[in-house]
Amino acid sequence: MNLLNKIVIGLTLVLFTLSLTSISRADGHSDRLDKIESQVQDALIKMKGMEKKTKDMPNMKVGPGLKIKSGKNQVKLGGRIHFDVGMHDPDAAVACEQADTSGGSCFVDGTNFRRLRLAMSGKYASMYYYKVSVDWGASAKQGVVNSTDNDAANDMASVDEAFLGYKLGKNTTLSIGKQKIPLSFDESTSSNDMPFIERSTAVDALTDHTLGPKRMSAQLRNWDKKIGYLVETAVHGAGDTFTTESAHEQVGYTGRAVYAPILQKNHVLHLGYWHDITEIDQRGTISTTTGDATVEWDYRIGLNVSDEKGVDADFKSTRGLTDMQHYGAEIAYLNGPFWTTGEWLWGQINRDILGSDDTNTNTSYEANAGYVEAGFTINGQRRYTIKKGGWKRPKVKNPVEKGGNGVMEVGVRHTRISLNGMADKETGSMNAKGSQFSTDLMFNWQLNNNNLIKVNYIMADLNCQSVSNITGQGCGTTVNGVVNPADGETRVNALGIRSVSYTHLTLPTKA
């Protein structure tokens, strides 16, 4: 009960007491007693009305951001800013002076906004939820093809997510729109919460261009904290991968199952598996040599400031693609401040042989990749969410601005990916598109619940096919006196620093 209510009640009781006293002195004045009773009833009715209005008023909470709710409805305004600084120290074989003479191929140093997002989300009548986010960062420009105006991509923004969801039950949801499809532990962890600056190259190389990770889709999800399981299914398109002007937009089917036999606040064991089957339908005489009508297995060594890709298999000029499959196994473990994660992924792209005019007789392309990582949290611990089947960042109990030390993390990750084993199932010949083995060292300092600084040191070893992908210098050849070793590895060291900021503002709405 608020102060205003207490004052009204107190005054009412005083008035009532005085009136009773007066009545006792004035014997026979029953009409006055009736009048006072009526006044008391009117006061109580007004108090109930004030309490109802108080409950309907927006509730403001100041914390990480500003949160205001009105009844069962709310609108959240927020966003994230990820600012990167990256520096490279490559061996001579992939140094700028040995690369493309036009200056377009080398590991450059630089800065960028990896993510610059503005988002609006909320709920309506406790059953509906929604989200719309727009990105102006580098992640919005990946995969942009514009041969006539290279500066055009620098000015563009993209819709990162836009979906509407419906709660079918307490832990069951149905959502439709552009959203992240259910695959991989790494992808299921938010970019605000993932331990390293970038997700593992093993995950990004096999999923980023082929599967999303965000696609137009319809998704059904169910989870249970007590039993410790999560089941996700999705039917998705891929308009961001294939242009519907040159080929039919394919349909994909994804399923992910997660089970946590140990699910406690400080102790978690996560087991997961996901599988995706996607139709491509790029057959016959359909041109796949232009624009974004492409399937790719490729990614950077671990930083986004340079676009050089050691592993690079581009299938946009390959006719007759019919379908592809991707699947992966996950394991994660948390015990107090210690945590570890591991994943192994497989991919297969199938095609038809089109006839004697098609010199490429490969009927399928196969690849696999994996990573393992481990870390230790100081002054806190990582959190796990069964609702998404991924990590959440630690909570900061002693922020720096209040004289605390925040939360710190140290960790290491090893990634292996090879595109050199894409065998022709009929002839046995191999398509070598590069391999990469890398070790990443990580240090995170979370200043408070809204700001984080990440530092990664990357040591990537590239085989000669990977060097050739970057420079065009074949295995065993010499350019400017530098040999691309056919039987050795070329090292690229890199240092990345990221500043992460995120917040939200929640506004009231009326039904």
Protein backbone atom coordinates (compact mmCIF):
# COMPACT_ATOMS: atom_id res chain seq x y z
CA MET A 1 0.00 0.00 0.00
CA ASN A 2 1.48 3.36 -0.96
CA LEU A 3 1.77 6.51 1.15
CA LEU A 4 -1.28 8.19 -0.43
CA ASN A 5 -3.51 5.27 0.50
CA LYS A 6 -2.24 5.31 4.08
CA ILE A 7 -3.01 9.04 4.39
CA VAL A 8 -6.53 8.60 3.02
CA ILE A 9 -7.23 5.71 5.41
CA GLY A 10 -5.85 7.64 8.37
CA LEU A 11 -7.95 10.72 7.66
CA THR A 12 -11.00 8.56 7.14
CA LEU A 13 -10.55 6.82 10.50
CA VAL A 14 -10.06 10.16 12.28
CA LEU A 15 -13.18 11.55 10.66
CA PHE A 16 -15.08 8.42 11.56
CA THR A 17 -13.94 8.56 15.21
CA LEU A 18 -14.84 12.23 15.59
CA SER A 19 -18.19 11.60 14.04
CA LEU A 20 -18.94 8.70 16.37
CA THR A 21 -17.99 10.91 19.31
CA SER A 22 -20.34 13.57 18.11
CA ILE A 23 -23.09 11.04 17.62
CA SER A 24 -22.70 9.65 21.11
CA ARG A 25 -23.18 13.17 22.49
CA ALA A 26 -26.15 13.84 20.30
CA ASP A 27 -28.53 11.04 21.13
CA GLY A 28 -31.03 10.12 18.43
CA HIS A 29 -29.10 11.48 15.41
CA SER A 30 -29.20 8.21 13.36
CA ASP A 31 -29.51 10.11 10.13
CA ARG A 32 -26.07 11.59 10.68
CA LEU A 33 -24.62 8.13 11.31
CA ASP A 34 -26.00 6.95 7.98
CA LYS A 35 -24.40 9.91 6.26
CA ILE A 36 -20.98 9.17 7.76
CA GLU A 37 -21.20 5.50 6.79
CA SER A 38 -21.95 6.58 3.24
CA GLN A 39 -18.88 8.85 3.24
CA VAL A 40 -16.67 6.01 4.45
CA GLN A 41 -17.95 3.73 1.67
CA ASP A 42 -17.26 6.43 -0.94
CA ALA A 43 -13.72 6.83 0.39
CA LEU A 44 -13.06 3.09 0.19
CA ILE A 45 -14.32 2.98 -3.41
CA LYS A 46 -12.02 5.85 -4.34
CA MET A 47 -9.06 4.09 -2.68
CA LYS A 48 -9.67 0.90 -4.69
CA GLY A 49 -9.76 2.96 -7.87
CA MET A 50 -6.47 4.61 -6.98
CA GLU A 51 -4.86 1.21 -6.29
CA LYS A 52 -5.97 -0.06 -9.72
CA LYS A 53 -4.54 3.02 -11.42
CA THR A 54 -1.29 2.53 -9.50
CA LYS A 55 -1.01 -1.07 -10.75
CA ASP A 56 -1.62 0.05 -14.35
CA MET A 57 1.05 2.76 -14.16
CA PRO A 58 4.39 1.98 -15.82
CA ASN A 59 6.91 0.31 -13.54
CA MET A 60 10.38 1.76 -13.93
CA LYS A 61 13.53 -0.11 -13.00
CA VAL A 62 17.00 1.38 -13.35
CA GLY A 63 19.79 -1.16 -13.93
CA PRO A 64 21.61 -2.27 -17.06
CA GLY A 65 19.69 0.18 -19.19
CA LEU A 66 16.20 1.44 -18.35
CA LYS A 67 13.25 -0.91 -18.13
CA ILE A 68 9.64 0.25 -18.07
CA LYS A 69 6.65 -2.14 -18.18
CA SER A 70 2.95 -1.53 -18.48
CA GLY A 71 0.75 -4.47 -17.65
CA LYS A 72 1.44 -7.47 -19.90
CA ASN A 73 2.74 -5.37 -22.79
CA GLN A 74 6.15 -3.89 -23.40
CA VAL A 75 8.46 -2.53 -26.06
CA LYS A 76 12.24 -2.80 -25.75
CA LEU A 77 14.58 -0.50 -27.61
CA GLY A 78 18.22 -1.45 -27.60
CA GLY A 79 21.23 -2.38 -29.59
CA ARG A 80 24.86 -3.38 -29.58
CA ILE A 81 28.11 -1.81 -30.73
CA HIS A 82 31.09 -4.06 -31.49
CA PHE A 83 34.16 -2.06 -32.48
CA ASP A 84 37.21 -4.00 -33.71
CA VAL A 85 40.90 -3.28 -34.06
CA GLY A 86 42.93 -5.90 -35.93
CA MET A 87 46.64 -6.34 -36.76
CA HIS A 88 48.35 -9.12 -38.72
CA ASP A 89 51.90 -10.47 -38.85
CA PRO A 90 52.00 -12.92 -41.80
CA ASP A 91 54.88 -14.93 -43.21
CA ALA A 92 56.43 -13.60 -46.40
CA ALA A 93 54.43 -15.95 -48.68
CA VAL A 94 51.18 -14.13 -47.82
CA ALA A 95 52.57 -10.69 -47.07
CA CYS A 96 51.22 -7.75 -49.03
CA GLU A 97 54.34 -7.38 -51.15
CA GLN A 98 54.02 -11.03 -52.30
CA ALA A 99 50.30 -10.89 -52.97
CA ASP A 100 48.26 -9.53 -55.81
CA THR A 101 50.23 -6.73 -57.48
CA SER A 102 47.05 -4.66 -57.63
CA GLY A 103 47.16 -4.41 -53.87
CA GLY A 104 43.88 -6.23 -53.39
CA SER A 105 45.15 -9.33 -51.64
CA CYS A 106 46.94 -9.19 -48.34
CA PHE A 107 46.31 -9.35 -44.61
CA VAL A 108 45.64 -5.72 -43.87
CA ASP A 109 45.47 -4.02 -40.49
CA GLY A 110 42.50 -1.87 -39.68
CA THR A 111 39.38 -1.07 -37.71
CA ASN A 112 35.67 -1.49 -38.25
CA PHE A 113 32.32 -1.71 -36.57
CA ARG A 114 31.74 -5.44 -36.63
CA ARG A 115 28.17 -4.92 -35.45
CA LEU A 116 26.25 -1.68 -35.18
CA ARG A 117 22.70 -2.72 -34.46
CA LEU A 118 19.51 -1.03 -33.42
CA ALA A 119 16.76 -3.37 -32.27
CA MET A 120 13.15 -3.20 -31.19
CA SER A 121 11.51 -6.14 -29.46
CA GLY A 122 8.73 -6.78 -27.03
CA LYS A 123 5.65 -8.72 -26.14
CA TYR A 124 1.91 -8.27 -26.41
CA ALA A 125 -0.78 -9.77 -24.18
CA SER A 126 1.78 -12.25 -22.76
CA MET A 127 1.24 -14.55 -25.79
CA TYR A 128 2.91 -12.71 -28.66
CA TYR A 129 6.51 -11.58 -28.97
CA TYR A 130 8.44 -9.89 -31.75
CA LYS A 131 11.80 -8.49 -32.77
CA VAL A 132 13.13 -6.24 -35.51
CA SER A 133 16.81 -5.29 -35.74
CA VAL A 134 18.85 -3.38 -38.33
CA ASP A 135 22.62 -3.61 -38.68
CA TRP A 136 24.99 -0.99 -40.13
CA GLY A 137 28.16 -2.87 -39.19
CA ALA A 138 30.49 -5.11 -41.16
CA SER A 139 28.23 -8.12 -40.57
CA ALA A 140 25.58 -6.34 -42.68
CA LYS A 141 27.90 -6.10 -45.65
CA GLN A 142 29.26 -9.64 -45.81
CA GLY A 143 28.57 -11.31 -49.11
CA VAL A 144 27.69 -8.08 -50.87
CA VAL A 145 28.49 -8.24 -54.58
CA ASN A 146 28.74 -4.90 -56.32
CA SER A 147 31.23 -4.72 -59.14
CA THR A 148 30.24 -1.25 -60.31
CA ASP A 149 30.34 0.65 -57.06
CA ASN A 150 32.62 -0.68 -54.35
CA ASP A 151 31.61 2.12 -52.02
CA ALA A 152 27.94 1.22 -52.15
CA ALA A 153 28.36 -1.60 -49.66
CA ASN A 154 29.87 0.81 -47.14
CA ASP A 155 26.63 2.75 -46.92
CA MET A 156 24.18 -0.07 -46.71
CA ALA A 157 22.30 -1.48 -43.79
CA SER A 158 20.53 -4.78 -43.62
CA VAL A 159 17.64 -6.26 -41.69
CA ASP A 160 19.36 -8.52 -39.21
CA GLU A 161 16.20 -10.07 -37.75
CA ALA A 162 12.48 -9.51 -38.17
CA PHE A 163 10.07 -12.09 -36.77
CA LEU A 164 6.80 -12.59 -34.91
CA GLY A 165 6.39 -15.31 -32.31
CA TYR A 166 3.49 -16.94 -30.50
CA LYS A 167 3.64 -18.80 -27.16
CA LEU A 168 1.80 -22.09 -27.65
CA GLY A 169 2.53 -23.07 -24.05
CA LYS A 170 4.74 -22.17 -21.12
CA ASN A 171 7.87 -23.50 -22.86
CA THR A 172 6.65 -23.91 -26.44
CA THR A 173 6.91 -21.22 -29.12
CA LEU A 174 6.19 -20.79 -32.82
CA SER A 175 7.94 -17.98 -34.72
CA ILE A 176 7.88 -16.81 -38.34
CA GLY A 177 10.22 -14.37 -40.09
CA LYS A 178 13.91 -13.74 -40.62
CA GLN A 179 15.66 -15.31 -37.65
CA LYS A 180 18.59 -17.47 -36.64
CA ILE A 181 18.00 -21.07 -37.63
CA PRO A 182 18.74 -23.79 -35.04
CA LEU A 183 22.26 -25.04 -35.60
CA SER A 184 25.48 -25.27 -33.59
CA PHE A 185 26.28 -24.43 -29.97
CA ASP A 186 28.52 -21.59 -31.15
CA GLU A 187 25.78 -20.05 -33.30
CA SER A 188 23.23 -20.47 -30.50
CA THR A 189 25.36 -18.26 -28.25
CA SER A 190 24.73 -14.54 -28.77
CA SER A 191 27.53 -12.41 -30.22
CA ASN A 192 27.35 -10.43 -26.97
CA ASP A 193 27.99 -13.57 -24.94
CA MET A 194 30.46 -15.68 -26.98
CA PRO A 195 33.86 -16.01 -25.30
CA PHE A 196 36.09 -15.20 -28.32
CA ILE A 197 35.97 -12.23 -30.70
CA GLU A 198 34.64 -14.40 -33.53
CA ARG A 199 32.97 -17.76 -33.60
CA SER A 200 35.18 -20.65 -34.57
CA THR A 201 36.27 -20.75 -38.22
CA ALA A 202 35.07 -24.38 -38.26
CA VAL A 203 31.49 -23.24 -37.66
CA ASP A 204 31.52 -20.10 -39.81
CA ALA A 205 33.22 -21.72 -42.82
CA LEU A 206 30.62 -24.47 -43.21
CA THR A 207 27.49 -22.55 -42.22
CA ASP A 208 27.83 -18.81 -42.76
CA HIS A 209 27.16 -18.60 -46.51
CA THR A 210 25.34 -21.87 -47.01
CA LEU A 211 22.93 -21.80 -44.08
CA GLY A 212 22.79 -18.30 -42.80
CA PRO A 213 22.90 -18.30 -39.94
CA LYS A 214 19.76 -16.09 -40.27
CA ARG A 215 17.12 -17.02 -42.83
CA MET A 216 13.42 -16.61 -43.54
CA SER A 217 11.93 -19.49 -41.60
CA ALA A 218 9.12 -20.94 -39.50
CA GLN A 219 10.38 -22.42 -36.25
CA LEU A 220 8.90 -24.53 -33.49
CA ARG A 221 10.74 -24.74 -30.15
CA ASN A 222 10.15 -26.60 -26.90
CA TRP A 223 12.32 -26.81 -23.80
CA ASP A 224 12.11 -27.89 -20.19
CA LYS A 225 14.43 -26.74 -17.40
CA LYS A 226 13.53 -29.57 -15.02
CA ILE A 227 14.22 -32.38 -17.50
CA GLY A 228 16.95 -30.37 -19.25
CA TYR A 229 16.11 -30.66 -22.91
CA LEU A 230 15.61 -28.43 -25.94
CA VAL A 231 14.09 -29.40 -29.29
CA GLU A 232 14.10 -26.99 -32.24
CA THR A 233 12.83 -27.48 -35.78
CA ALA A 234 12.70 -25.10 -38.71
CA VAL A 235 11.59 -24.90 -42.32
CA HIS A 236 13.66 -22.20 -44.00
CA GLY A 237 14.43 -20.56 -47.30
CA ALA A 238 17.67 -18.93 -48.28
CA GLY A 239 16.95 -15.75 -50.15
CA ASP A 240 20.20 -14.30 -48.86
CA THR A 241 22.12 -17.08 -50.56
CA PHE A 242 20.38 -17.55 -53.89
CA THR A 243 18.79 -14.92 -56.03
CA THR A 244 15.27 -15.87 -56.98
CA GLU A 245 15.74 -14.13 -60.32
CA SER A 246 18.16 -16.78 -61.57
CA ALA A 247 17.10 -19.87 -59.66
CA HIS A 248 14.31 -21.24 -57.56
CA GLU A 249 14.70 -20.34 -53.90
CA GLN A 250 15.55 -23.54 -52.10
CA VAL A 251 13.81 -24.91 -49.01
CA GLY A 252 15.70 -26.31 -46.07
CA TYR A 253 14.77 -28.40 -43.04
CA THR A 254 16.70 -28.11 -39.79
CA GLY A 255 16.40 -29.91 -36.50
CA ARG A 256 18.39 -29.59 -33.28
CA ALA A 257 18.12 -31.63 -30.11
CA VAL A 258 19.84 -30.75 -26.84
CA TYR A 259 19.99 -32.73 -23.60
CA ALA A 260 21.62 -31.56 -20.37
CA PRO A 261 21.96 -34.56 -18.01
CA ILE A 262 23.55 -32.15 -15.52
CA LEU A 263 21.73 -28.83 -15.27
CA GLN A 264 22.60 -26.83 -12.19
CA LYS A 265 23.56 -23.21 -11.69
CA ASN A 266 27.23 -24.03 -11.17
CA HIS A 267 27.46 -27.40 -12.90
CA VAL A 268 26.30 -28.18 -16.47
CA LEU A 269 26.84 -30.92 -19.01
CA HIS A 270 25.43 -30.19 -22.48
CA LEU A 271 25.03 -32.69 -25.33
CA GLY A 272 23.61 -31.69 -28.69
CA TYR A 273 23.14 -32.68 -32.32
CA TRP A 274 21.76 -30.78 -35.33
CA HIS A 275 21.05 -31.69 -38.94
CA ASP A 276 20.08 -29.61 -41.98
CA ILE A 277 18.95 -30.77 -45.42
CA THR A 278 18.58 -28.03 -48.03
CA GLU A 279 17.43 -28.21 -51.64
CA ILE A 280 19.40 -26.14 -54.12
CA ASP A 281 17.79 -26.82 -57.52
CA GLN A 282 20.47 -25.17 -59.67
CA ARG A 283 20.42 -27.54 -62.63
CA GLY A 284 20.36 -27.51 -66.38
CA THR A 285 21.25 -24.27 -68.05
CA ILE A 286 20.55 -22.01 -65.08
CA SER A 287 23.40 -19.58 -64.71
CA THR A 288 25.12 -19.63 -61.34
CA THR A 289 28.10 -17.50 -62.24
CA THR A 290 26.78 -14.08 -61.26
CA GLY A 291 25.71 -12.15 -58.22
CA ASP A 292 24.83 -13.90 -55.01
CA ALA A 293 23.64 -17.15 -56.60
CA THR A 294 26.32 -19.07 -54.82
CA VAL A 295 27.19 -21.74 -52.30
CA GLU A 296 30.44 -21.24 -50.43
CA TRP A 297 32.53 -22.91 -47.77
CA ASP A 298 34.95 -20.20 -46.71
CA TYR A 299 35.90 -17.82 -43.94
CA ARG A 300 38.60 -15.59 -42.54
CA ILE A 301 41.37 -16.76 -40.23
CA GLY A 302 39.63 -15.24 -37.20
CA LEU A 303 39.37 -11.44 -37.55
CA ASN A 304 36.93 -9.40 -39.61
CA VAL A 305 39.11 -6.40 -40.46
CA SER A 306 40.75 -8.33 -43.33
CA ASP A 307 38.77 -10.24 -45.93
CA GLU A 308 41.49 -12.76 -46.83
CA LYS A 309 40.27 -16.36 -46.62
CA GLY A 310 42.61 -19.30 -46.27
CA VAL A 311 39.89 -21.92 -46.79
CA ASP A 312 37.83 -20.99 -49.83
CA ALA A 313 35.56 -23.30 -51.82
CA ASP A 314 33.25 -21.33 -54.13
CA PHE A 315 30.56 -23.27 -55.97
CA LYS A 316 28.85 -20.41 -57.79
CA SER A 317 30.27 -21.48 -61.14
CA THR A 318 29.38 -25.11 -60.58
CA ARG A 319 26.34 -26.21 -62.51
CA GLY A 320 23.96 -28.93 -61.49
CA LEU A 321 23.91 -28.42 -57.71
CA THR A 322 20.94 -30.33 -56.31
CA ASP A 323 21.07 -30.36 -52.51
CA MET A 324 23.31 -30.16 -49.49
CA GLN A 325 23.49 -31.60 -45.99
CA HIS A 326 25.15 -30.23 -42.88
CA TYR A 327 25.21 -31.72 -39.40
CA GLY A 328 27.14 -31.35 -36.20
CA ALA A 329 27.70 -32.78 -32.73
CA GLU A 330 28.11 -30.57 -29.63
CA ILE A 331 29.40 -30.95 -26.10
CA ALA A 332 29.84 -28.32 -23.39
CA TYR A 333 30.74 -28.50 -19.73
CA LEU A 334 30.63 -25.98 -16.89
CA ASN A 335 31.93 -26.50 -13.36
CA GLY A 336 32.11 -23.29 -11.39
CA PRO A 337 34.59 -20.93 -13.05
CA PHE A 338 35.83 -23.58 -15.50
CA TRP A 339 34.11 -24.17 -18.84
CA THR A 340 34.82 -26.01 -22.08
CA THR A 341 33.09 -26.50 -25.44
CA GLY A 342 33.70 -28.74 -28.44
CA GLU A 343 31.96 -29.24 -31.79
CA TRP A 344 32.49 -31.31 -34.91
CA LEU A 345 30.74 -30.44 -38.18
CA TRP A 346 30.26 -32.24 -41.50
CA GLY A 347 29.07 -30.86 -44.83
CA GLN A 348 28.15 -32.39 -48.19
CA ILE A 349 27.05 -30.68 -51.40
CA ASN A 350 25.59 -32.91 -54.12
CA ARG A 351 25.24 -32.36 -57.87
CA ASP A 352 24.12 -34.03 -61.05
CA ILE A 353 26.42 -34.71 -63.99
CA LEU A 354 24.92 -32.73 -66.83
CA GLY A 355 26.50 -34.44 -69.84
CA SER A 356 29.54 -34.42 -72.02
CA ASP A 357 29.66 -30.62 -72.09
CA ASP A 358 30.30 -30.54 -68.37
CA THR A 359 33.95 -31.21 -67.68
CA ASN A 360 33.49 -31.31 -63.91
CA THR A 361 32.38 -34.85 -63.12
CA ASN A 362 32.31 -34.51 -59.34
CA THR A 363 29.04 -35.76 -57.95
CA SER A 364 29.54 -34.47 -54.43
CA TYR A 365 31.79 -32.30 -52.28
CA GLU A 366 32.50 -33.20 -48.67
CA ALA A 367 34.24 -31.39 -45.83
CA ASN A 368 34.54 -31.53 -42.06
CA ALA A 369 35.82 -29.25 -39.35
CA GLY A 370 35.90 -28.94 -35.59
CA TYR A 371 37.09 -26.98 -32.59
CA VAL A 372 37.64 -27.35 -28.86
CA GLU A 373 37.93 -24.49 -26.41
CA ALA A 374 38.29 -24.04 -22.68
CA GLY A 375 38.41 -21.13 -20.29
CA PHE A 376 38.49 -19.96 -16.70
CA THR A 377 36.43 -17.11 -15.25
CA ILE A 378 37.78 -14.83 -12.52
CA ASN A 379 35.36 -13.11 -10.08
CA GLY A 380 32.39 -14.83 -11.66
CA GLN A 381 31.30 -17.65 -13.91
CA ARG A 382 29.74 -18.28 -17.27
CA ARG A 383 26.04 -19.11 -17.40
CA TYR A 384 24.17 -21.68 -19.46
CA THR A 385 20.68 -21.35 -20.88
CA ILE A 386 18.71 -24.46 -21.85
CA LYS A 387 16.19 -22.19 -23.58
CA LYS A 388 18.75 -21.51 -26.34
CA GLY A 389 21.24 -24.30 -25.70
CA GLY A 390 24.25 -21.97 -25.44
CA TRP A 391 26.39 -19.80 -23.18
CA LYS A 392 25.44 -16.54 -21.54
CA ARG A 393 28.04 -14.03 -20.39
CA PRO A 394 28.92 -13.82 -16.68
CA LYS A 395 27.09 -11.39 -14.44
CA VAL A 396 29.18 -8.64 -12.92
CA LYS A 397 28.59 -8.19 -9.19
CA ASN A 398 31.43 -5.70 -8.67
CA PRO A 399 31.54 -3.30 -11.63
CA VAL A 400 34.58 -1.12 -12.24
CA GLU A 401 32.68 2.17 -11.89
CA LYS A 402 31.84 1.19 -8.29
CA GLY A 403 35.44 0.38 -7.40
CA GLY A 404 35.27 -3.32 -8.29
CA ASN A 405 37.38 -5.38 -10.67
CA GLY A 406 34.57 -6.57 -12.93
CA VAL A 407 34.85 -10.10 -14.34
CA MET A 408 37.85 -11.49 -16.23
CA GLU A 409 38.22 -14.57 -18.42
CA VAL A 410 41.16 -16.38 -19.96
CA GLY A 411 40.85 -19.15 -22.52
CA VAL A 412 42.29 -21.05 -25.46
CA ARG A 413 40.70 -22.51 -28.60
CA HIS A 414 42.03 -24.86 -31.27
CA THR A 415 40.32 -25.11 -34.66
CA ARG A 416 40.89 -27.55 -37.52
CA ILE A 417 39.26 -27.27 -40.93
CA SER A 418 40.22 -28.88 -44.21
CA LEU A 419 38.67 -28.47 -47.63
CA ASN A 420 41.33 -30.66 -49.22
CA GLY A 421 39.33 -33.85 -48.89
CA MET A 422 36.46 -33.04 -51.24
CA ALA A 423 36.68 -36.25 -53.21
CA ASP A 424 34.95 -37.17 -56.45
CA LYS A 425 33.02 -40.27 -55.42
CA GLU A 426 33.27 -41.70 -58.97
CA THR A 427 36.88 -40.99 -59.93
CA GLY A 428 38.49 -40.63 -56.51
CA SER A 429 40.19 -37.38 -57.50
CA MET A 430 40.51 -34.65 -54.90
CA ASN A 431 39.52 -31.00 -54.93
CA ALA A 432 42.00 -29.19 -52.70
CA LYS A 433 40.59 -25.87 -51.46
CA GLY A 434 42.83 -25.29 -48.49
CA SER A 435 43.21 -26.28 -44.87
CA GLN A 436 43.76 -24.25 -41.72
CA PHE A 437 44.80 -25.11 -38.18
CA SER A 438 44.68 -22.31 -35.67
CA THR A 439 45.14 -21.69 -31.97
CA ASP A 440 43.52 -18.66 -30.34
CA LEU A 441 44.39 -17.18 -26.95
CA MET A 442 41.73 -15.10 -25.27
CA PHE A 443 41.47 -12.50 -22.49
CA ASN A 444 38.17 -10.81 -21.64
CA TRP A 445 37.55 -8.02 -19.16
CA GLN A 446 33.89 -7.36 -18.46
CA LEU A 447 33.79 -3.92 -16.85
CA ASN A 448 30.09 -4.08 -15.96
CA ASN A 449 26.93 -5.67 -17.27
CA ASN A 450 26.95 -3.39 -20.32
CA ASN A 451 30.58 -3.11 -21.42
CA LEU A 452 33.25 -5.65 -22.29
CA ILE A 453 36.77 -5.60 -23.74
CA LYS A 454 38.09 -8.66 -25.61
CA VAL A 455 41.66 -9.41 -26.65
CA ASN A 456 42.50 -12.37 -28.93
CA TYR A 457 45.85 -13.55 -30.23
CA ILE A 458 45.53 -15.89 -33.23
CA MET A 459 48.16 -18.26 -34.61
CA ALA A 460 46.92 -19.71 -37.91
CA ASP A 461 48.83 -22.25 -40.01
CA LEU A 462 47.82 -22.37 -43.70
CA ASN A 463 48.79 -25.08 -46.18
CA CYS A 464 49.93 -24.24 -49.70
CA GLN A 465 46.41 -24.44 -51.20
CA SER A 466 45.25 -21.86 -48.65
CA VAL A 467 48.15 -19.59 -49.60
CA SER A 468 47.18 -20.05 -53.24
CA ASN A 469 43.59 -19.00 -52.43
CA ILE A 470 44.93 -15.72 -51.10
CA THR A 471 47.75 -14.88 -53.49
CA GLY A 472 47.21 -17.01 -56.59
CA GLN A 473 50.70 -18.40 -55.98
CA GLY A 474 50.56 -22.15 -56.67
CA CYS A 475 52.03 -24.79 -54.39
CA GLY A 476 55.83 -24.95 -54.77
CA THR A 477 56.02 -21.82 -56.95
CA THR A 478 58.19 -18.80 -56.26
CA VAL A 479 57.05 -15.16 -56.38
CA ASN A 480 59.54 -12.35 -55.75
CA GLY A 481 61.98 -14.84 -54.35
CA VAL A 482 59.49 -16.27 -51.83
CA VAL A 483 58.37 -19.89 -52.08
CA ASN A 484 54.89 -21.12 -51.34
CA PRO A 485 56.01 -24.36 -49.61
CA ALA A 486 54.23 -27.39 -51.08
CA ASP A 487 55.01 -29.59 -48.09
CA GLY A 488 54.99 -27.01 -45.31
CA GLU A 489 52.79 -24.46 -43.60
CA THR A 490 52.62 -20.70 -43.72
CA ARG A 491 51.97 -18.90 -40.44
CA VAL A 492 49.74 -15.84 -39.96
CA ASN A 493 49.71 -14.30 -36.50
CA ALA A 494 47.03 -11.77 -35.65
CA LEU A 495 46.01 -9.59 -32.71
CA GLY A 496 42.40 -8.54 -32.32
CA ILE A 497 40.80 -6.16 -29.81
CA ARG A 498 37.05 -5.65 -29.52
CA SER A 499 35.01 -3.19 -27.49
CA VAL A 500 31.50 -4.46 -26.80
CA SER A 501 28.64 -2.26 -25.58
CA TYR A 502 25.01 -3.28 -25.24
CA THR A 503 21.94 -1.87 -23.51
CA HIS A 504 18.17 -1.67 -23.77
CA LEU A 505 15.33 0.75 -23.12
CA THR A 506 11.88 -0.68 -22.41
CA LEU A 507 8.81 1.48 -23.06
CA PRO A 508 5.20 0.89 -22.00
CA THR A 509 2.39 0.18 -24.43
CA LYS A 510 -1.37 -0.23 -24.14
CA ALA A 511 -3.44 -3.12 -25.42
